[in-house]
Amino acid sequence: MSNTIKLNIIAPGRSPITEEIISLITENSSGQIEFMRGHAPIISSTIPTISRIKTADGAEKKIFTATGIVRVKDNIIDFCVDSMNYKEEIDLRRAEESKERAEKRLK
């Protein structure tokens, strides 16, 4: 029996990502949560975080995931997020400007 679980990540404006993985670690309002083969069925909201995917070959991928919902059932993870980005896709200058605008609004 394989130790992998199928992961589907769906985000607006992107092609769905589907792959066999060992685990997904993301975050909800209670803290970090990890999903692996054999996980009990669950539906949970998630918060913006750097999610970690352990691939079937043992490598680790890190992706930014915005607010979303994750559902696990029958060794399939469906992860629907408002947006997701790989590290190399993030425009750091634009992110810093956005952070500064948000901080000004909070004052």
C-alpha atoms as a PDB file:
ATOM      1  CA  MET A   1       0.000   0.000   0.000  1.00  0.00           C
ATOM      2  CA  SER A   2       1.279   3.438  -0.909  1.00  0.00           C
ATOM      3  CA  ASN A   3       1.881   6.052   1.768  1.00  0.00           C
ATOM      4  CA  THR A   4       0.740   8.901  -0.495  1.00  0.00           C
ATOM      5  CA  ILE A   5      -2.447  10.914  -0.617  1.00  0.00           C
ATOM      6  CA  LYS A   6      -3.854  12.822  -3.610  1.00  0.00           C
ATOM      7  CA  LEU A   7      -3.717  16.622  -3.352  1.00  0.00           C
ATOM      8  CA  ASN A   8      -5.851  18.976  -5.461  1.00  0.00           C
ATOM      9  CA  ILE A   9      -5.241  22.720  -5.053  1.00  0.00           C
ATOM     10  CA  ILE A  10      -7.771  25.013  -6.708  1.00  0.00           C
ATOM     11  CA  ALA A  11      -7.316  28.804  -6.896  1.00  0.00           C
ATOM     12  CA  PRO A  12      -9.088  31.377  -9.101  1.00  0.00           C
ATOM     13  CA  GLY A  13      -7.221  32.205 -12.296  1.00  0.00           C
ATOM     14  CA  ARG A  14      -4.874  29.231 -12.050  1.00  0.00           C
ATOM     15  CA  SER A  15      -4.864  25.750 -13.472  1.00  0.00           C
ATOM     16  CA  PRO A  16      -5.646  23.200 -10.765  1.00  0.00           C
ATOM     17  CA  ILE A  17      -2.638  21.465  -9.219  1.00  0.00           C
ATOM     18  CA  THR A  18      -2.986  17.721  -8.736  1.00  0.00           C
ATOM     19  CA  GLU A  19      -0.288  15.451  -7.380  1.00  0.00           C
ATOM     20  CA  GLU A  20       0.392  12.508  -5.111  1.00  0.00           C
ATOM     21  CA  ILE A  21       2.056  13.675  -1.893  1.00  0.00           C
ATOM     22  CA  ILE A  22       3.125  12.340   1.483  1.00  0.00           C
ATOM     23  CA  SER A  23       1.748  15.262   3.517  1.00  0.00           C
ATOM     24  CA  LEU A  24       0.343  18.789   3.495  1.00  0.00           C
ATOM     25  CA  ILE A  25       0.969  21.116   6.435  1.00  0.00           C
ATOM     26  CA  THR A  26      -1.109  24.303   6.523  1.00  0.00           C
ATOM     27  CA  GLU A  27      -2.726  26.454   9.179  1.00  0.00           C
ATOM     28  CA  ASN A  28      -6.211  27.087  10.531  1.00  0.00           C
ATOM     29  CA  SER A  29      -7.376  29.354  13.355  1.00  0.00           C
ATOM     30  CA  SER A  30      -6.241  26.774  15.944  1.00  0.00           C
ATOM     31  CA  GLY A  31      -2.704  26.412  14.559  1.00  0.00           C
ATOM     32  CA  GLN A  32      -0.860  24.109  12.193  1.00  0.00           C
ATOM     33  CA  ILE A  33      -2.587  21.048  10.829  1.00  0.00           C
ATOM     34  CA  GLU A  34      -1.044  18.177   8.867  1.00  0.00           C
ATOM     35  CA  PHE A  35      -2.856  15.881   6.465  1.00  0.00           C
ATOM     36  CA  MET A  36      -1.484  12.461   5.524  1.00  0.00           C
ATOM     37  CA  ARG A  37      -2.793   9.202   4.078  1.00  0.00           C
ATOM     38  CA  GLY A  38      -5.494   7.743   6.318  1.00  0.00           C
ATOM     39  CA  HIS A  39      -6.524  11.114   7.790  1.00  0.00           C
ATOM     40  CA  ALA A  40     -10.066  11.158   9.143  1.00  0.00           C
ATOM     41  CA  PRO A  41     -12.601  13.005   6.975  1.00  0.00           C
ATOM     42  CA  ILE A  42     -12.586  16.722   7.785  1.00  0.00           C
ATOM     43  CA  ILE A  43     -13.553  20.109   6.419  1.00  0.00           C
ATOM     44  CA  SER A  44     -11.651  23.093   7.828  1.00  0.00           C
ATOM     45  CA  SER A  45     -11.186  26.736   6.978  1.00  0.00           C
ATOM     46  CA  THR A  46      -7.573  27.871   6.601  1.00  0.00           C
ATOM     47  CA  ILE A  47      -5.786  31.159   7.155  1.00  0.00           C
ATOM     48  CA  PRO A  48      -3.056  32.797   5.059  1.00  0.00           C
ATOM     49  CA  THR A  49       0.237  30.985   5.620  1.00  0.00           C
ATOM     50  CA  ILE A  50       3.190  29.276   4.002  1.00  0.00           C
ATOM     51  CA  SER A  51       1.869  25.760   3.385  1.00  0.00           C
ATOM     52  CA  ARG A  52       4.362  22.914   3.107  1.00  0.00           C
ATOM     53  CA  ILE A  53       3.944  19.964   0.786  1.00  0.00           C
ATOM     54  CA  LYS A  54       6.084  16.847   1.197  1.00  0.00           C
ATOM     55  CA  THR A  55       6.155  15.305  -2.266  1.00  0.00           C
ATOM     56  CA  ALA A  56       6.060  11.591  -3.044  1.00  0.00           C
ATOM     57  CA  ASP A  57       9.846  11.635  -3.600  1.00  0.00           C
ATOM     58  CA  GLY A  58      10.431  13.227  -0.173  1.00  0.00           C
ATOM     59  CA  ALA A  59      11.176  16.790  -1.369  1.00  0.00           C
ATOM     60  CA  GLU A  60       9.484  19.748   0.323  1.00  0.00           C
ATOM     61  CA  LYS A  61       7.661  22.508  -1.550  1.00  0.00           C
ATOM     62  CA  LYS A  62       6.576  25.732   0.123  1.00  0.00           C
ATOM     63  CA  ILE A  63       3.692  27.778  -1.236  1.00  0.00           C
ATOM     64  CA  PHE A  64       1.863  30.812   0.049  1.00  0.00           C
ATOM     65  CA  THR A  65      -1.832  29.990   0.446  1.00  0.00           C
ATOM     66  CA  ALA A  66      -4.423  32.650   1.202  1.00  0.00           C
ATOM     67  CA  THR A  67      -7.673  32.061   3.056  1.00  0.00           C
ATOM     68  CA  GLY A  68      -9.289  28.808   1.992  1.00  0.00           C
ATOM     69  CA  ILE A  69     -11.104  25.606   2.766  1.00  0.00           C
ATOM     70  CA  VAL A  70      -9.563  22.159   2.922  1.00  0.00           C
ATOM     71  CA  ARG A  71     -11.555  18.940   2.692  1.00  0.00           C
ATOM     72  CA  VAL A  72     -10.110  15.493   3.280  1.00  0.00           C
ATOM     73  CA  LYS A  73     -12.054  12.379   2.371  1.00  0.00           C
ATOM     74  CA  ASP A  74     -11.063   8.938   1.044  1.00  0.00           C
ATOM     75  CA  ASN A  75      -7.351   9.840   0.866  1.00  0.00           C
ATOM     76  CA  ILE A  76      -8.008  12.901  -1.293  1.00  0.00           C
ATOM     77  CA  ILE A  77      -7.236  16.461  -0.151  1.00  0.00           C
ATOM     78  CA  ASP A  78      -9.235  19.187  -1.903  1.00  0.00           C
ATOM     79  CA  PHE A  79      -7.701  22.549  -0.984  1.00  0.00           C
ATOM     80  CA  CYS A  80      -9.625  25.550  -2.357  1.00  0.00           C
ATOM     81  CA  VAL A  81      -7.838  28.864  -1.740  1.00  0.00           C
ATOM     82  CA  ASP A  82      -8.469  32.503  -2.636  1.00  0.00           C
ATOM     83  CA  SER A  83      -4.939  32.630  -4.070  1.00  0.00           C
ATOM     84  CA  MET A  84      -1.665  30.729  -4.004  1.00  0.00           C
ATOM     85  CA  ASN A  85       1.863  31.532  -5.063  1.00  0.00           C
ATOM     86  CA  TYR A  86       5.163  29.735  -5.240  1.00  0.00           C
ATOM     87  CA  LYS A  87       8.045  31.702  -3.718  1.00  0.00           C
ATOM     88  CA  GLU A  88       9.501  32.635  -7.102  1.00  0.00           C
ATOM     89  CA  GLU A  89       6.145  34.125  -8.188  1.00  0.00           C
ATOM     90  CA  ILE A  90       5.970  36.690  -5.376  1.00  0.00           C
ATOM     91  CA  ASP A  91       6.908  40.270  -6.285  1.00  0.00           C
ATOM     92  CA  LEU A  92       8.606  41.391  -3.055  1.00  0.00           C
ATOM     93  CA  ARG A  93       8.503  45.107  -3.897  1.00  0.00           C
ATOM     94  CA  ARG A  94       4.774  44.966  -4.561  1.00  0.00           C
ATOM     95  CA  ALA A  95       4.194  42.928  -1.388  1.00  0.00           C
ATOM     96  CA  GLU A  96       6.096  45.492   0.727  1.00  0.00           C
ATOM     97  CA  GLU A  97       4.100  48.370  -0.789  1.00  0.00           C
ATOM     98  CA  SER A  98       0.864  46.533  -0.066  1.00  0.00           C
ATOM     99  CA  LYS A  99       1.969  45.896   3.533  1.00  0.00           C
ATOM    100  CA  GLU A 100       2.810  49.598   4.014  1.00  0.00           C
ATOM    101  CA  ARG A 101      -0.600  50.661   2.675  1.00  0.00           C
ATOM    102  CA  ALA A 102      -2.331  48.241   5.032  1.00  0.00           C
ATOM    103  CA  GLU A 103      -0.342  49.469   8.031  1.00  0.00           C
ATOM    104  CA  LYS A 104      -1.245  53.084   7.225  1.00  0.00           C
ATOM    105  CA  ARG A 105      -4.941  52.178   7.135  1.00  0.00           C
ATOM    106  CA  LEU A 106      -4.677  50.616  10.578  1.00  0.00           C
ATOM    107  CA  LYS A 107      -3.380  53.828  12.175  1.00  0.00           C
END
